Structures are given as structure tokens and as C-alpha cells.
């Protein structure tokens, strides 16, 4: 599939589809590609009170909503709120961690992020159980990059509350064969 506005022949890829409902890939995709549509991974995090201002300081985010409880309460929040970069960085790092692990069949792979779009939906408070989840929505072979462009959709929730949602694009590769 060629993106709009790109000259014909400049974008050569082969789309590899999985079965999102079952979470399994076709046999050909399992043996060739480092991921498949429908592949899902998740984790739970818990951000402690002291981690909110510590992380904000580490990224030079000096918004008082992350540091001063009185300011946060006066602004209508029930406590300090985490910097968007705090949960966002965990959310993005999940992808690198997941794709650094071998597949269930033992296939080694690696991945680097090419881009993420994250939408913040609700404030993140300390001491909540936060469930983060990603689903692979597409995998396309990209010969010029010697890898697979992998697209994902994901979200983070505290109970029924949607905290953030996002999409990601990664470049996945398989290790080079040894001579």
C-alpha cells in the first residue's frame, strides 16, 4: 500500500495480516515477521506519591501541580497529578521492552520507535493501579529499512477511567544471520 502523495514505486512493502480476534498470525507471518496484527501486551504500574515530583524534576517539569499539594488542591485536583511525560514514557517504553523479548516461538527481534501520538484523557494520581495495553494493528515489510513497520494502538486506564490513549509506529528487525 502506498501512502497518499508518495510517487508510485517509491514505497515497496508487503502487508502481513493477523487475526485480531484470535491473536494468532498466519503460519507464513509467524515464520517471517517479528510481530503480527492482534499481538497484545499489557502491564500494570503503580506510581507512588514521592515518584510524581521526583520524575517531574528529572525531566525539568516544574509545573506546581506535580510538586505542591496545596496548588493541586486549589486547582480542583484531589492530589498531586503526574506529569504527562511520566505515564507517557512508561507507555512508550513498553513497546521497546516487549519487542526486545523473543516471540513465543523463540524468534529474536528488536524494535525502535518511529513515532507516537498520545492523547491525555484524565489526570494521573499517585497510588492508583494503572493498566497499560498495546495491540499491534498492522505489520508491513519495508525493504529499504531492512525491517517491518509495525503499527499499534493502546491505552492506559485506572479502573474504568481512560487516562491516555495512543498510537505508535515502530521499526522491527530480526537479527542478522551469522556468517
C-alpha atoms as a PDB file:
ATOM      1  CA  UNK A   1       0.000   0.000   0.000  1.00  0.00           C
ATOM      2  CA  UNK A   2       1.398   3.410  -0.992  1.00  0.00           C
ATOM      3  CA  UNK A   3       0.759   6.398   1.290  1.00  0.00           C
ATOM      4  CA  UNK A   4      -1.121   9.318  -0.327  1.00  0.00           C
ATOM      5  CA  UNK A   5       1.137  11.816  -2.064  1.00  0.00           C
ATOM      6  CA  UNK A   6       4.054   9.410  -2.439  1.00  0.00           C
ATOM      7  CA  UNK A   7       5.131   8.639  -6.028  1.00  0.00           C
ATOM      8  CA  UNK A   8       4.279   5.217  -7.384  1.00  0.00           C
ATOM      9  CA  UNK A   9       7.087   2.715  -6.878  1.00  0.00           C
ATOM     10  CA  UNK A  10       8.782   4.655  -4.088  1.00  0.00           C
ATOM     11  CA  UNK A  11       7.096   2.703  -1.296  1.00  0.00           C
ATOM     12  CA  UNK A  12       7.508  -1.038  -1.529  1.00  0.00           C
ATOM     13  CA  UNK A  13       6.020  -3.101   1.237  1.00  0.00           C
ATOM     14  CA  UNK A  14       4.136  -6.291   1.834  1.00  0.00           C
ATOM     15  CA  UNK A  15       1.363  -6.151   4.382  1.00  0.00           C
ATOM     16  CA  UNK A  16       1.212  -9.080   6.781  1.00  0.00           C
ATOM     17  CA  UNK A  17      -2.169  -9.542   8.388  1.00  0.00           C
ATOM     18  CA  UNK A  18      -3.041 -11.496  11.507  1.00  0.00           C
ATOM     19  CA  UNK A  19      -6.351 -12.429  13.004  1.00  0.00           C
ATOM     20  CA  UNK A  20      -7.047  -9.793  15.671  1.00  0.00           C
ATOM     21  CA  UNK A  21      -9.935 -11.713  17.210  1.00  0.00           C
ATOM     22  CA  UNK A  22      -7.846 -14.801  17.872  1.00  0.00           C
ATOM     23  CA  UNK A  23      -4.499 -13.105  18.406  1.00  0.00           C
ATOM     24  CA  UNK A  24      -2.732 -15.607  16.164  1.00  0.00           C
ATOM     25  CA  UNK A  25      -0.807 -14.978  13.000  1.00  0.00           C
ATOM     26  CA  UNK A  26      -0.948 -16.888   9.745  1.00  0.00           C
ATOM     27  CA  UNK A  27       1.793 -19.535   9.503  1.00  0.00           C
ATOM     28  CA  UNK A  28       3.734 -17.520   6.900  1.00  0.00           C
ATOM     29  CA  UNK A  29       3.679 -14.393   9.048  1.00  0.00           C
ATOM     30  CA  UNK A  30       4.771 -16.305  12.140  1.00  0.00           C
ATOM     31  CA  UNK A  31       7.834 -17.680  10.370  1.00  0.00           C
ATOM     32  CA  UNK A  32       8.848 -14.397   8.682  1.00  0.00           C
ATOM     33  CA  UNK A  33       7.655 -11.347  10.605  1.00  0.00           C
ATOM     34  CA  UNK A  34       8.679 -10.251  14.113  1.00  0.00           C
ATOM     35  CA  UNK A  35       5.075  -9.312  15.048  1.00  0.00           C
ATOM     36  CA  UNK A  36       1.512  -9.895  13.910  1.00  0.00           C
ATOM     37  CA  UNK A  37      -1.746  -7.970  13.887  1.00  0.00           C
ATOM     38  CA  UNK A  38      -3.631  -8.757  17.064  1.00  0.00           C
ATOM     39  CA  UNK A  39      -0.496  -9.285  19.181  1.00  0.00           C
ATOM     40  CA  UNK A  40      -1.317  -7.745  22.559  1.00  0.00           C
ATOM     41  CA  UNK A  41       0.819  -6.901  25.568  1.00  0.00           C
ATOM     42  CA  UNK A  42      -0.003  -5.214  28.863  1.00  0.00           C
ATOM     43  CA  UNK A  43       1.381  -4.248  32.242  1.00  0.00           C
ATOM     44  CA  UNK A  44       0.210  -2.698  35.492  1.00  0.00           C
ATOM     45  CA  UNK A  45       2.035   0.192  37.153  1.00  0.00           C
ATOM     46  CA  UNK A  46       1.592   1.962  40.445  1.00  0.00           C
ATOM     47  CA  UNK A  47       3.064   5.449  40.859  1.00  0.00           C
ATOM     48  CA  UNK A  48       3.900   6.285  44.485  1.00  0.00           C
ATOM     49  CA  UNK A  49       3.439   9.789  45.965  1.00  0.00           C
ATOM     50  CA  UNK A  50       7.161  10.576  46.006  1.00  0.00           C
ATOM     51  CA  UNK A  51       7.621   9.451  42.395  1.00  0.00           C
ATOM     52  CA  UNK A  52       5.461  12.263  40.989  1.00  0.00           C
ATOM     53  CA  UNK A  53       7.668  15.233  41.992  1.00  0.00           C
ATOM     54  CA  UNK A  54      10.855  13.163  41.570  1.00  0.00           C
ATOM     55  CA  UNK A  55      10.028  12.291  37.961  1.00  0.00           C
ATOM     56  CA  UNK A  56       8.832  15.830  37.182  1.00  0.00           C
ATOM     57  CA  UNK A  57      12.151  17.190  38.486  1.00  0.00           C
ATOM     58  CA  UNK A  58      14.103  14.659  36.415  1.00  0.00           C
ATOM     59  CA  UNK A  59      12.522  15.976  33.188  1.00  0.00           C
ATOM     60  CA  UNK A  60      12.609  19.639  34.280  1.00  0.00           C
ATOM     61  CA  UNK A  61       8.823  19.863  34.543  1.00  0.00           C
ATOM     62  CA  UNK A  62       8.317  22.487  37.215  1.00  0.00           C
ATOM     63  CA  UNK A  63       4.530  22.761  36.953  1.00  0.00           C
ATOM     64  CA  UNK A  64       3.402  23.184  40.598  1.00  0.00           C
ATOM     65  CA  UNK A  65       0.592  20.644  40.033  1.00  0.00           C
ATOM     66  CA  UNK A  66       3.334  17.979  40.218  1.00  0.00           C
ATOM     67  CA  UNK A  67       5.129  19.448  43.256  1.00  0.00           C
ATOM     68  CA  UNK A  68       2.799  21.425  45.525  1.00  0.00           C
ATOM     69  CA  UNK A  69      -0.227  19.680  47.027  1.00  0.00           C
ATOM     70  CA  UNK A  70      -1.927  22.949  48.037  1.00  0.00           C
ATOM     71  CA  UNK A  71      -1.687  24.253  44.464  1.00  0.00           C
ATOM     72  CA  UNK A  72      -3.080  20.989  43.063  1.00  0.00           C
ATOM     73  CA  UNK A  73      -5.989  21.009  45.551  1.00  0.00           C
ATOM     74  CA  UNK A  74      -6.737  24.683  44.835  1.00  0.00           C
ATOM     75  CA  UNK A  75      -6.857  23.868  41.104  1.00  0.00           C
ATOM     76  CA  UNK A  76      -9.549  21.242  41.741  1.00  0.00           C
ATOM     77  CA  UNK A  77      -7.456  18.073  41.753  1.00  0.00           C
ATOM     78  CA  UNK A  78      -7.689  15.564  44.594  1.00  0.00           C
ATOM     79  CA  UNK A  79      -3.897  15.412  44.932  1.00  0.00           C
ATOM     80  CA  UNK A  80      -0.668  15.889  43.013  1.00  0.00           C
ATOM     81  CA  UNK A  81      -1.012  14.864  39.382  1.00  0.00           C
ATOM     82  CA  UNK A  82       1.712  13.110  37.445  1.00  0.00           C
ATOM     83  CA  UNK A  83       3.433  14.872  34.586  1.00  0.00           C
ATOM     84  CA  UNK A  84       2.080  13.657  31.256  1.00  0.00           C
ATOM     85  CA  UNK A  85       5.604  12.641  30.342  1.00  0.00           C
ATOM     86  CA  UNK A  86       5.688  10.229  33.292  1.00  0.00           C
ATOM     87  CA  UNK A  87       2.938   7.882  32.168  1.00  0.00           C
ATOM     88  CA  UNK A  88       3.660   8.654  28.508  1.00  0.00           C
ATOM     89  CA  UNK A  89       7.262   7.498  28.826  1.00  0.00           C
ATOM     90  CA  UNK A  90       6.240   4.257  30.538  1.00  0.00           C
ATOM     91  CA  UNK A  91       3.628   3.722  27.811  1.00  0.00           C
ATOM     92  CA  UNK A  92       6.166   4.171  25.008  1.00  0.00           C
ATOM     93  CA  UNK A  93       8.924   2.195  26.759  1.00  0.00           C
ATOM     94  CA  UNK A  94       6.583  -0.799  26.992  1.00  0.00           C
ATOM     95  CA  UNK A  95       6.890  -1.229  23.230  1.00  0.00           C
ATOM     96  CA  UNK A  96      10.700  -1.360  23.241  1.00  0.00           C
ATOM     97  CA  UNK A  97      10.704  -3.773  26.177  1.00  0.00           C
ATOM     98  CA  UNK A  98       8.100  -6.044  24.593  1.00  0.00           C
ATOM     99  CA  UNK A  99       9.783  -6.262  21.206  1.00  0.00           C
ATOM    100  CA  UNK A 100      13.210  -6.842  22.778  1.00  0.00           C
ATOM    101  CA  UNK A 101      11.869 -10.187  24.046  1.00  0.00           C
ATOM    102  CA  UNK A 102      11.748 -13.247  21.774  1.00  0.00           C
ATOM    103  CA  UNK A 103       8.392 -14.325  20.380  1.00  0.00           C
ATOM    104  CA  UNK A 104       6.607 -17.367  21.829  1.00  0.00           C
ATOM    105  CA  UNK A 105       8.336 -19.471  19.149  1.00  0.00           C
ATOM    106  CA  UNK A 106      11.765 -18.128  20.202  1.00  0.00           C
ATOM    107  CA  UNK A 107      12.241 -15.709  17.304  1.00  0.00           C
ATOM    108  CA  UNK A 108      14.613 -12.927  18.398  1.00  0.00           C
ATOM    109  CA  UNK A 109      13.662  -9.390  17.386  1.00  0.00           C
ATOM    110  CA  UNK A 110      14.411  -5.759  18.166  1.00  0.00           C
ATOM    111  CA  UNK A 111      12.484  -2.559  17.738  1.00  0.00           C
ATOM    112  CA  UNK A 112      12.869   1.198  17.774  1.00  0.00           C
ATOM    113  CA  UNK A 113      10.136   3.788  17.935  1.00  0.00           C
ATOM    114  CA  UNK A 114       9.489   5.844  14.812  1.00  0.00           C
ATOM    115  CA  UNK A 115       6.670   7.935  16.248  1.00  0.00           C
ATOM    116  CA  UNK A 116       3.926   8.067  18.841  1.00  0.00           C
ATOM    117  CA  UNK A 117       0.724  10.071  19.177  1.00  0.00           C
ATOM    118  CA  UNK A 118      -0.531  10.220  22.753  1.00  0.00           C
ATOM    119  CA  UNK A 119      -3.752  11.859  23.955  1.00  0.00           C
ATOM    120  CA  UNK A 120      -4.089  12.637  27.655  1.00  0.00           C
ATOM    121  CA  UNK A 121      -7.656  11.965  28.778  1.00  0.00           C
ATOM    122  CA  UNK A 122      -7.658  12.288  32.589  1.00  0.00           C
ATOM    123  CA  UNK A 123      -5.230  13.211  35.378  1.00  0.00           C
ATOM    124  CA  UNK A 124      -2.951  10.522  36.791  1.00  0.00           C
ATOM    125  CA  UNK A 125      -2.838  10.401  40.585  1.00  0.00           C
ATOM    126  CA  UNK A 126      -0.467   8.612  42.922  1.00  0.00           C
ATOM    127  CA  UNK A 127      -1.308   5.204  44.358  1.00  0.00           C
ATOM    128  CA  UNK A 128      -3.636   4.091  41.577  1.00  0.00           C
ATOM    129  CA  UNK A 129      -3.297   0.771  39.775  1.00  0.00           C
ATOM    130  CA  UNK A 130      -2.822   1.753  36.150  1.00  0.00           C
ATOM    131  CA  UNK A 131      -3.306  -0.851  33.426  1.00  0.00           C
ATOM    132  CA  UNK A 132      -1.480  -0.138  30.168  1.00  0.00           C
ATOM    133  CA  UNK A 133      -2.149  -2.109  26.984  1.00  0.00           C
ATOM    134  CA  UNK A 134      -0.940  -2.124  23.374  1.00  0.00           C
ATOM    135  CA  UNK A 135      -2.334  -4.039  20.378  1.00  0.00           C
ATOM    136  CA  UNK A 136      -0.479  -4.470  17.081  1.00  0.00           C
ATOM    137  CA  UNK A 137      -2.813  -3.270  14.315  1.00  0.00           C
ATOM    138  CA  UNK A 138      -0.594  -3.799  11.281  1.00  0.00           C
ATOM    139  CA  UNK A 139       2.782  -5.053  10.124  1.00  0.00           C
ATOM    140  CA  UNK A 140       4.331  -4.162   6.756  1.00  0.00           C
ATOM    141  CA  UNK A 141       7.693  -5.270   5.360  1.00  0.00           C
ATOM    142  CA  UNK A 142       9.852  -2.276   4.388  1.00  0.00           C
ATOM    143  CA  UNK A 143      12.855  -3.460   2.365  1.00  0.00           C
ATOM    144  CA  UNK A 144      14.604  -0.074   2.293  1.00  0.00           C
ATOM    145  CA  UNK A 145      14.728  -0.116   6.122  1.00  0.00           C
ATOM    146  CA  UNK A 146      15.505  -3.837   6.306  1.00  0.00           C
ATOM    147  CA  UNK A 147      12.609  -4.364   8.686  1.00  0.00           C
ATOM    148  CA  UNK A 148       8.901  -4.218   9.360  1.00  0.00           C
ATOM    149  CA  UNK A 149       6.870  -1.067  10.003  1.00  0.00           C
ATOM    150  CA  UNK A 150       4.645  -2.049  12.913  1.00  0.00           C
ATOM    151  CA  UNK A 151       1.607  -0.005  13.934  1.00  0.00           C
ATOM    152  CA  UNK A 152      -0.018  -0.180  17.354  1.00  0.00           C
ATOM    153  CA  UNK A 153      -2.948   1.257  19.299  1.00  0.00           C
ATOM    154  CA  UNK A 154      -3.063   1.392  23.058  1.00  0.00           C
ATOM    155  CA  UNK A 155      -4.445   2.915  26.212  1.00  0.00           C
ATOM    156  CA  UNK A 156      -3.912   3.305  29.941  1.00  0.00           C
ATOM    157  CA  UNK A 157      -6.711   3.051  32.483  1.00  0.00           C
ATOM    158  CA  UNK A 158      -7.190   3.346  36.225  1.00  0.00           C
ATOM    159  CA  UNK A 159     -10.226   1.154  36.756  1.00  0.00           C
ATOM    160  CA  UNK A 160     -12.841   2.343  34.254  1.00  0.00           C
ATOM    161  CA  UNK A 161     -11.176   5.748  33.772  1.00  0.00           C
ATOM    162  CA  UNK A 162      -9.311   6.248  30.494  1.00  0.00           C
ATOM    163  CA  UNK A 163      -6.108   8.114  31.361  1.00  0.00           C
ATOM    164  CA  UNK A 164      -4.473   8.181  27.954  1.00  0.00           C
ATOM    165  CA  UNK A 165      -4.805   6.662  24.520  1.00  0.00           C
ATOM    166  CA  UNK A 166      -2.292   6.489  21.744  1.00  0.00           C
ATOM    167  CA  UNK A 167      -0.899   5.075  18.572  1.00  0.00           C
ATOM    168  CA  UNK A 168       2.645   4.098  17.798  1.00  0.00           C
ATOM    169  CA  UNK A 169       4.808   3.188  14.834  1.00  0.00           C
ATOM    170  CA  UNK A 170       7.904   1.060  15.311  1.00  0.00           C
ATOM    171  CA  UNK A 171      10.578  -0.390  13.082  1.00  0.00           C
ATOM    172  CA  UNK A 172      11.101  -4.045  13.987  1.00  0.00           C
ATOM    173  CA  UNK A 173      14.056  -6.097  12.786  1.00  0.00           C
ATOM    174  CA  UNK A 174      15.276  -9.632  13.082  1.00  0.00           C
ATOM    175  CA  UNK A 175      18.939 -10.272  13.936  1.00  0.00           C
ATOM    176  CA  UNK A 176      21.297 -10.712  11.008  1.00  0.00           C
ATOM    177  CA  UNK A 177      22.257 -14.286  10.268  1.00  0.00           C
ATOM    178  CA  UNK A 178      25.720 -15.235  11.489  1.00  0.00           C
ATOM    179  CA  UNK A 179      28.244 -15.938   8.694  1.00  0.00           C
END
